[in-house]
Amino acid sequence: MWLKFRVELFKRLRLKESWVIFFVLGLIMMNYPFVQIFNKPNRIADIPQLYLYFVGGWAVSILVIYLFTKACNLTEDENDEGDQR
């Protein structure tokens, strides 16, 4: 089941539309309405909420880029295997 989910995820990430969607989503998440939501005096573990939002967004963007590169490399590996046969 995990393998099937992984293959489906990588197929969807190979689409250029998903690249554009994640880029636009990243731009939207770093602009006024969302930043203002987290710009509060509240603290979580004595760290301002806005800092946690930026660090969390940064970590998620790195994860998404990692998944995109894995999907692209998987595509190239599949094409290489197909040429050898």
PDB file of N, CA and C in Angstrom:
ATOM      1  N   MET A   1       0.827  -1.194   0.000  1.00  0.00           N
ATOM      2  CA  MET A   1       0.000   0.000   0.000  1.00  0.00           C
ATOM      3  C   MET A   1       0.870   1.256   0.000  1.00  0.00           C
ATOM      4  N   TRP A   2       1.944   1.263   0.811  1.00  0.00           N
ATOM      5  CA  TRP A   2       2.824   2.417   0.876  1.00  0.00           C
ATOM      6  C   TRP A   2       3.487   2.670  -0.474  1.00  0.00           C
ATOM      7  N   LEU A   3       3.894   1.595  -1.156  1.00  0.00           N
ATOM      8  CA  LEU A   3       4.547   1.727  -2.452  1.00  0.00           C
ATOM      9  C   LEU A   3       3.593   2.332  -3.483  1.00  0.00           C
ATOM     10  N   LYS A   4       2.335   1.895  -3.452  1.00  0.00           N
ATOM     11  CA  LYS A   4       1.350   2.431  -4.389  1.00  0.00           C
ATOM     12  C   LYS A   4       1.121   3.926  -4.141  1.00  0.00           C
ATOM     13  N   PHE A   5       1.029   4.310  -2.868  1.00  0.00           N
ATOM     14  CA  PHE A   5       0.864   5.723  -2.514  1.00  0.00           C
ATOM     15  C   PHE A   5       2.060   6.535  -2.978  1.00  0.00           C
ATOM     16  N   ARG A   6       3.251   6.002  -2.772  1.00  0.00           N
ATOM     17  CA  ARG A   6       4.476   6.695  -3.161  1.00  0.00           C
ATOM     18  C   ARG A   6       4.544   6.898  -4.680  1.00  0.00           C
ATOM     19  N   VAL A   7       4.198   5.859  -5.427  1.00  0.00           N
ATOM     20  CA  VAL A   7       4.227   5.964  -6.884  1.00  0.00           C
ATOM     21  C   VAL A   7       3.209   6.992  -7.365  1.00  0.00           C
ATOM     22  N   GLU A   8       2.028   6.987  -6.806  1.00  0.00           N
ATOM     23  CA  GLU A   8       0.999   7.960  -7.191  1.00  0.00           C
ATOM     24  C   GLU A   8       1.425   9.390  -6.848  1.00  0.00           C
ATOM     25  N   LEU A   9       2.041   9.558  -5.675  1.00  0.00           N
ATOM     26  CA  LEU A   9       2.514  10.881  -5.283  1.00  0.00           C
ATOM     27  C   LEU A   9       3.568  11.383  -6.248  1.00  0.00           C
ATOM     28  N   PHE A  10       4.514  10.546  -6.605  1.00  0.00           N
ATOM     29  CA  PHE A  10       5.576  10.957  -7.520  1.00  0.00           C
ATOM     30  C   PHE A  10       5.031  11.229  -8.922  1.00  0.00           C
ATOM     31  N   LYS A  11       4.015  10.499  -9.346  1.00  0.00           N
ATOM     32  CA  LYS A  11       3.403  10.778 -10.654  1.00  0.00           C
ATOM     33  C   LYS A  11       2.776  12.165 -10.667  1.00  0.00           C
ATOM     34  N   ARG A  12       2.114  12.516  -9.581  1.00  0.00           N
ATOM     35  CA  ARG A  12       1.473  13.828  -9.513  1.00  0.00           C
ATOM     36  C   ARG A  12       2.493  14.952  -9.395  1.00  0.00           C
ATOM     37  N   LEU A  13       3.605  14.695  -8.706  1.00  0.00           N
ATOM     38  CA  LEU A  13       4.620  15.732  -8.543  1.00  0.00           C
ATOM     39  C   LEU A  13       5.403  15.983  -9.817  1.00  0.00           C
ATOM     40  N   ARG A  14       5.354  15.054 -10.764  1.00  0.00           N
ATOM     41  CA  ARG A  14       6.050  15.269 -12.028  1.00  0.00           C
ATOM     42  C   ARG A  14       5.337  16.287 -12.899  1.00  0.00           C
ATOM     43  N   LEU A  15       4.091  16.561 -12.620  1.00  0.00           N
ATOM     44  CA  LEU A  15       3.321  17.512 -13.412  1.00  0.00           C
ATOM     45  C   LEU A  15       3.796  18.934 -13.150  1.00  0.00           C
ATOM     46  N   LYS A  16       3.927  19.701 -14.205  1.00  0.00           N
ATOM     47  CA  LYS A  16       4.377  21.081 -14.060  1.00  0.00           C
ATOM     48  C   LYS A  16       3.350  21.923 -13.315  1.00  0.00           C
ATOM     49  N   GLU A  17       2.092  21.554 -13.402  1.00  0.00           N
ATOM     50  CA  GLU A  17       1.054  22.307 -12.700  1.00  0.00           C
ATOM     51  C   GLU A  17       1.266  22.252 -11.199  1.00  0.00           C
ATOM     52  N   SER A  18       1.729  21.113 -10.690  1.00  0.00           N
ATOM     53  CA  SER A  18       1.943  21.006  -9.246  1.00  0.00           C
ATOM     54  C   SER A  18       3.101  21.891  -8.809  1.00  0.00           C
ATOM     55  N   TRP A  19       4.116  22.060  -9.658  1.00  0.00           N
ATOM     56  CA  TRP A  19       5.218  22.972  -9.351  1.00  0.00           C
ATOM     57  C   TRP A  19       4.677  24.395  -9.209  1.00  0.00           C
ATOM     58  N   VAL A  20       3.833  24.794 -10.148  1.00  0.00           N
ATOM     59  CA  VAL A  20       3.280  26.151 -10.128  1.00  0.00           C
ATOM     60  C   VAL A  20       2.376  26.339  -8.918  1.00  0.00           C
ATOM     61  N   ILE A  21       1.570  25.344  -8.607  1.00  0.00           N
ATOM     62  CA  ILE A  21       0.656  25.444  -7.469  1.00  0.00           C
ATOM     63  C   ILE A  21       1.441  25.622  -6.171  1.00  0.00           C
ATOM     64  N   PHE A  22       2.487  24.837  -5.954  1.00  0.00           N
ATOM     65  CA  PHE A  22       3.273  24.968  -4.730  1.00  0.00           C
ATOM     66  C   PHE A  22       4.028  26.290  -4.676  1.00  0.00           C
ATOM     67  N   PHE A  23       4.498  26.795  -5.809  1.00  0.00           N
ATOM     68  CA  PHE A  23       5.178  28.085  -5.837  1.00  0.00           C
ATOM     69  C   PHE A  23       4.218  29.207  -5.446  1.00  0.00           C
ATOM     70  N   VAL A  24       3.041  29.211  -6.052  1.00  0.00           N
ATOM     71  CA  VAL A  24       2.049  30.253  -5.743  1.00  0.00           C
ATOM     72  C   VAL A  24       1.591  30.135  -4.298  1.00  0.00           C
ATOM     73  N   LEU A  25       1.401  28.918  -3.815  1.00  0.00           N
ATOM     74  CA  LEU A  25       1.010  28.718  -2.423  1.00  0.00           C
ATOM     75  C   LEU A  25       2.087  29.257  -1.479  1.00  0.00           C
ATOM     76  N   GLY A  26       3.354  29.030  -1.805  1.00  0.00           N
ATOM     77  CA  GLY A  26       4.440  29.565  -0.990  1.00  0.00           C
ATOM     78  C   GLY A  26       4.447  31.081  -0.968  1.00  0.00           C
ATOM     79  N   LEU A  27       4.196  31.703  -2.120  1.00  0.00           N
ATOM     80  CA  LEU A  27       4.134  33.164  -2.168  1.00  0.00           C
ATOM     81  C   LEU A  27       2.971  33.704  -1.337  1.00  0.00           C
ATOM     82  N   ILE A  28       1.838  33.051  -1.450  1.00  0.00           N
ATOM     83  CA  ILE A  28       0.661  33.498  -0.700  1.00  0.00           C
ATOM     84  C   ILE A  28       0.885  33.351   0.806  1.00  0.00           C
ATOM     85  N   MET A  29       1.496  32.243   1.203  1.00  0.00           N
ATOM     86  CA  MET A  29       1.701  31.994   2.638  1.00  0.00           C
ATOM     87  C   MET A  29       2.687  32.981   3.269  1.00  0.00           C
ATOM     88  N   MET A  30       3.525  33.625   2.482  1.00  0.00           N
ATOM     89  CA  MET A  30       4.499  34.576   3.033  1.00  0.00           C
ATOM     90  C   MET A  30       4.068  36.025   2.869  1.00  0.00           C
ATOM     91  N   ASN A  31       2.824  36.264   2.514  1.00  0.00           N
ATOM     92  CA  ASN A  31       2.330  37.625   2.335  1.00  0.00           C
ATOM     93  C   ASN A  31       1.371  38.028   3.445  1.00  0.00           C
ATOM     94  N   TYR A  32       0.854  39.240   3.337  1.00  0.00           N
ATOM     95  CA  TYR A  32       0.137  39.929   4.398  1.00  0.00           C
ATOM     96  C   TYR A  32      -0.895  39.116   5.175  1.00  0.00           C
ATOM     97  N   PRO A  33      -1.921  38.561   4.585  1.00  0.00           N
ATOM     98  CA  PRO A  33      -2.957  38.001   5.458  1.00  0.00           C
ATOM     99  C   PRO A  33      -2.441  36.883   6.373  1.00  0.00           C
ATOM    100  N   PHE A  34      -1.611  36.022   5.848  1.00  0.00           N
ATOM    101  CA  PHE A  34      -1.146  34.904   6.667  1.00  0.00           C
ATOM    102  C   PHE A  34      -0.100  35.340   7.690  1.00  0.00           C
ATOM    103  N   VAL A  35       0.772  36.232   7.304  1.00  0.00           N
ATOM    104  CA  VAL A  35       1.779  36.709   8.251  1.00  0.00           C
ATOM    105  C   VAL A  35       1.102  37.468   9.391  1.00  0.00           C
ATOM    106  N   GLN A  36       0.073  38.228   9.085  1.00  0.00           N
ATOM    107  CA  GLN A  36      -0.635  38.975  10.118  1.00  0.00           C
ATOM    108  C   GLN A  36      -1.349  38.038  11.095  1.00  0.00           C
ATOM    109  N   ILE A  37      -1.831  36.916  10.628  1.00  0.00           N
ATOM    110  CA  ILE A  37      -2.489  35.952  11.512  1.00  0.00           C
ATOM    111  C   ILE A  37      -1.520  35.467  12.594  1.00  0.00           C
ATOM    112  N   PHE A  38      -0.267  35.228  12.210  1.00  0.00           N
ATOM    113  CA  PHE A  38       0.705  34.678  13.149  1.00  0.00           C
ATOM    114  C   PHE A  38       1.535  35.746  13.853  1.00  0.00           C
ATOM    115  N   ASN A  39       1.338  37.017  13.526  1.00  0.00           N
ATOM    116  CA  ASN A  39       2.084  38.094  14.160  1.00  0.00           C
ATOM    117  C   ASN A  39       1.349  38.533  15.430  1.00  0.00           C
ATOM    118  N   LYS A  40       1.333  37.666  16.400  1.00  0.00           N
ATOM    119  CA  LYS A  40       0.663  37.914  17.675  1.00  0.00           C
ATOM    120  C   LYS A  40       1.696  37.841  18.797  1.00  0.00           C
ATOM    121  N   PRO A  41       1.377  38.417  19.946  1.00  0.00           N
ATOM    122  CA  PRO A  41       2.334  38.356  21.062  1.00  0.00           C
ATOM    123  C   PRO A  41       2.403  36.974  21.735  1.00  0.00           C
ATOM    124  N   ASN A  42       1.616  36.025  21.265  1.00  0.00           N
ATOM    125  CA  ASN A  42       1.631  34.688  21.862  1.00  0.00           C
ATOM    126  C   ASN A  42       2.976  34.017  21.643  1.00  0.00           C
ATOM    127  N   ARG A  43       3.371  33.193  22.596  1.00  0.00           N
ATOM    128  CA  ARG A  43       4.630  32.456  22.489  1.00  0.00           C
ATOM    129  C   ARG A  43       4.358  30.984  22.719  1.00  0.00           C
ATOM    130  N   ILE A  44       5.045  30.150  21.945  1.00  0.00           N
ATOM    131  CA  ILE A  44       4.966  28.704  22.100  1.00  0.00           C
ATOM    132  C   ILE A  44       6.373  28.244  22.470  1.00  0.00           C
ATOM    133  N   ALA A  45       6.514  27.659  23.648  1.00  0.00           N
ATOM    134  CA  ALA A  45       7.817  27.247  24.171  1.00  0.00           C
ATOM    135  C   ALA A  45       8.772  28.438  24.205  1.00  0.00           C
ATOM    136  N   ASP A  46       8.246  29.603  24.584  1.00  0.00           N
ATOM    137  CA  ASP A  46       9.001  30.850  24.699  1.00  0.00           C
ATOM    138  C   ASP A  46       9.612  31.326  23.381  1.00  0.00           C
ATOM    139  N   ILE A  47       9.016  30.902  22.254  1.00  0.00           N
ATOM    140  CA  ILE A  47       9.435  31.354  20.927  1.00  0.00           C
ATOM    141  C   ILE A  47       8.238  32.067  20.298  1.00  0.00           C
ATOM    142  N   PRO A  48       8.448  33.271  19.757  1.00  0.00           N
ATOM    143  CA  PRO A  48       7.316  33.980  19.144  1.00  0.00           C
ATOM    144  C   PRO A  48       6.653  33.156  18.031  1.00  0.00           C
ATOM    145  N   GLN A  49       5.357  33.273  17.964  1.00  0.00           N
ATOM    146  CA  GLN A  49       4.550  32.501  17.027  1.00  0.00           C
ATOM    147  C   GLN A  49       4.953  32.765  15.575  1.00  0.00           C
ATOM    148  N   LEU A  50       5.305  33.991  15.239  1.00  0.00           N
ATOM    149  CA  LEU A  50       5.688  34.342  13.878  1.00  0.00           C
ATOM    150  C   LEU A  50       6.974  33.628  13.467  1.00  0.00           C
ATOM    151  N   TYR A  51       7.936  33.529  14.372  1.00  0.00           N
ATOM    152  CA  TYR A  51       9.188  32.826  14.065  1.00  0.00           C
ATOM    153  C   TYR A  51       8.921  31.352  13.775  1.00  0.00           C
ATOM    154  N   LEU A  52       8.072  30.747  14.584  1.00  0.00           N
ATOM    155  CA  LEU A  52       7.732  29.337  14.355  1.00  0.00           C
ATOM    156  C   LEU A  52       7.036  29.143  13.010  1.00  0.00           C
ATOM    157  N   TYR A  53       6.202  30.099  12.636  1.00  0.00           N
ATOM    158  CA  TYR A  53       5.520  30.038  11.341  1.00  0.00           C
ATOM    159  C   TYR A  53       6.525  30.070  10.196  1.00  0.00           C
ATOM    160  N   PHE A  54       7.489  30.989  10.266  1.00  0.00           N
ATOM    161  CA  PHE A  54       8.496  31.085   9.202  1.00  0.00           C
ATOM    162  C   PHE A  54       9.398  29.854   9.165  1.00  0.00           C
ATOM    163  N   VAL A  55       9.843  29.377  10.301  1.00  0.00           N
ATOM    164  CA  VAL A  55      10.707  28.201  10.335  1.00  0.00           C
ATOM    165  C   VAL A  55       9.943  26.962   9.869  1.00  0.00           C
ATOM    166  N   GLY A  56       8.678  26.850  10.271  1.00  0.00           N
ATOM    167  CA  GLY A  56       7.862  25.719   9.815  1.00  0.00           C
ATOM    168  C   GLY A  56       7.617  25.769   8.315  1.00  0.00           C
ATOM    169  N   GLY A  57       7.335  26.967   7.794  1.00  0.00           N
ATOM    170  CA  GLY A  57       7.150  27.115   6.349  1.00  0.00           C
ATOM    171  C   GLY A  57       8.418  26.802   5.586  1.00  0.00           C
ATOM    172  N   TRP A  58       9.544  27.195   6.132  1.00  0.00           N
ATOM    173  CA  TRP A  58      10.836  26.913   5.511  1.00  0.00           C
ATOM    174  C   TRP A  58      11.080  25.407   5.458  1.00  0.00           C
ATOM    175  N   ALA A  59      10.791  24.722   6.563  1.00  0.00           N
ATOM    176  CA  ALA A  59      10.979  23.264   6.612  1.00  0.00           C
ATOM    177  C   ALA A  59      10.046  22.545   5.632  1.00  0.00           C
ATOM    178  N   VAL A  60       8.812  22.995   5.559  1.00  0.00           N
ATOM    179  CA  VAL A  60       7.864  22.381   4.621  1.00  0.00           C
ATOM    180  C   VAL A  60       8.293  22.630   3.180  1.00  0.00           C
ATOM    181  N   SER A  61       8.801  23.821   2.886  1.00  0.00           N
ATOM    182  CA  SER A  61       9.247  24.094   1.514  1.00  0.00           C
ATOM    183  C   SER A  61      10.450  23.229   1.149  1.00  0.00           C
ATOM    184  N   ILE A  62      11.345  22.982   2.084  1.00  0.00           N
ATOM    185  CA  ILE A  62      12.477  22.084   1.820  1.00  0.00           C
ATOM    186  C   ILE A  62      11.974  20.674   1.562  1.00  0.00           C
ATOM    187  N   LEU A  63      10.986  20.221   2.329  1.00  0.00           N
ATOM    188  CA  LEU A  63      10.412  18.888   2.120  1.00  0.00           C
ATOM    189  C   LEU A  63       9.764  18.778   0.742  1.00  0.00           C
ATOM    190  N   VAL A  64       9.039  19.801   0.330  1.00  0.00           N
ATOM    191  CA  VAL A  64       8.388  19.783  -0.983  1.00  0.00           C
ATOM    192  C   VAL A  64       9.429  19.761  -2.098  1.00  0.00           C
ATOM    193  N   ILE A  65      10.486  20.546  -1.966  1.00  0.00           N
ATOM    194  CA  ILE A  65      11.546  20.544  -2.976  1.00  0.00           C
ATOM    195  C   ILE A  65      12.217  19.179  -3.028  1.00  0.00           C
ATOM    196  N   TYR A  66      12.434  18.567  -1.885  1.00  0.00           N
ATOM    197  CA  TYR A  66      13.013  17.221  -1.838  1.00  0.00           C
ATOM    198  C   TYR A  66      12.122  16.220  -2.579  1.00  0.00           C
ATOM    199  N   LEU A  67      10.820  16.289  -2.331  1.00  0.00           N
ATOM    200  CA  LEU A  67       9.900  15.366  -3.001  1.00  0.00           C
ATOM    201  C   LEU A  67       9.874  15.608  -4.508  1.00  0.00           C
ATOM    202  N   PHE A  68       9.928  16.869  -4.932  1.00  0.00           N
ATOM    203  CA  PHE A  68       9.974  17.174  -6.366  1.00  0.00           C
ATOM    204  C   PHE A  68      11.219  16.585  -7.006  1.00  0.00           C
ATOM    205  N   THR A  69      12.367  16.742  -6.356  1.00  0.00           N
ATOM    206  CA  THR A  69      13.601  16.211  -6.939  1.00  0.00           C
ATOM    207  C   THR A  69      13.585  14.692  -6.968  1.00  0.00           C
ATOM    208  N   LYS A  70      13.015  14.059  -5.935  1.00  0.00           N
ATOM    209  CA  LYS A  70      12.893  12.594  -5.943  1.00  0.00           C
ATOM    210  C   LYS A  70      11.994  12.149  -7.088  1.00  0.00           C
ATOM    211  N   ALA A  71      10.916  12.875  -7.334  1.00  0.00           N
ATOM    212  CA  ALA A  71       9.997  12.517  -8.414  1.00  0.00           C
ATOM    213  C   ALA A  71      10.680  12.662  -9.764  1.00  0.00           C
ATOM    214  N   CYS A  72      11.469  13.715  -9.925  1.00  0.00           N
ATOM    215  CA  CYS A  72      12.184  13.910 -11.196  1.00  0.00           C
ATOM    216  C   CYS A  72      13.252  12.851 -11.390  1.00  0.00           C
ATOM    217  N   ASN A  73      13.980  12.519 -10.340  1.00  0.00           N
ATOM    218  CA  ASN A  73      15.012  11.487 -10.440  1.00  0.00           C
ATOM    219  C   ASN A  73      14.396  10.122 -10.711  1.00  0.00           C
ATOM    220  N   LEU A  74      13.247   9.852 -10.131  1.00  0.00           N
ATOM    221  CA  LEU A  74      12.571   8.582 -10.370  1.00  0.00           C
ATOM    222  C   LEU A  74      12.164   8.483 -11.834  1.00  0.00           C
ATOM    223  N   THR A  75      11.704   9.580 -12.398  1.00  0.00           N
ATOM    224  CA  THR A  75      11.319   9.600 -13.804  1.00  0.00           C
ATOM    225  C   THR A  75      12.525   9.321 -14.685  1.00  0.00           C
ATOM    226  N   GLU A  76      13.655   9.962 -14.396  1.00  0.00           N
ATOM    227  CA  GLU A  76      14.860   9.748 -15.189  1.00  0.00           C
ATOM    228  C   GLU A  76      15.355   8.315 -15.061  1.00  0.00           C
ATOM    229  N   ASP A  77      15.287   7.736 -13.863  1.00  0.00           N
ATOM    230  CA  ASP A  77      15.719   6.357 -13.663  1.00  0.00           C
ATOM    231  C   ASP A  77      14.834   5.388 -14.435  1.00  0.00           C
ATOM    232  N   GLU A  78      13.524   5.651 -14.454  1.00  0.00           N
ATOM    233  CA  GLU A  78      12.612   4.777 -15.192  1.00  0.00           C
ATOM    234  C   GLU A  78      12.904   4.847 -16.684  1.00  0.00           C
ATOM    235  N   ASN A  79      13.182   6.051 -17.193  1.00  0.00           N
ATOM    236  CA  ASN A  79      13.494   6.201 -18.613  1.00  0.00           C
ATOM    237  C   ASN A  79      14.802   5.507 -18.964  1.00  0.00           C
ATOM    238  N   ASP A  80      15.798   5.583 -18.090  1.00  0.00           N
ATOM    239  CA  ASP A  80      17.073   4.918 -18.333  1.00  0.00           C
ATOM    240  C   ASP A  80      16.919   3.401 -18.381  1.00  0.00           C
ATOM    241  N   GLU A  81      16.101   2.870 -17.478  1.00  0.00           N
ATOM    242  CA  GLU A  81      15.872   1.426 -17.455  1.00  0.00           C
ATOM    243  C   GLU A  81      15.132   0.980 -18.717  1.00  0.00           C
ATOM    244  N   GLY A  82      14.206   1.810 -19.205  1.00  0.00           N
ATOM    245  CA  GLY A  82      13.460   1.479 -20.394  1.00  0.00           C
ATOM    246  C   GLY A  82      14.337   1.473 -21.634  1.00  0.00           C
ATOM    247  N   ASP A  83      15.356   2.334 -21.678  1.00  0.00           N
ATOM    248  CA  ASP A  83      16.251   2.377 -22.838  1.00  0.00           C
ATOM    249  C   ASP A  83      17.182   1.199 -22.893  1.00  0.00           C
ATOM    250  N   GLN A  84      17.526   0.622 -21.752  1.00  0.00           N
ATOM    251  CA  GLN A  84      18.466  -0.486 -21.714  1.00  0.00           C
ATOM    252  C   GLN A  84      17.862  -1.784 -22.200  1.00  0.00           C
ATOM    253  N   ARG A  85      16.576  -1.911 -22.134  1.00  0.00           N
ATOM    254  CA  ARG A  85      15.914  -3.166 -22.524  1.00  0.00           C
ATOM    255  C   ARG A  85      15.853  -3.335 -23.984  1.00  0.00           C
TER     256      ARG A  85
END
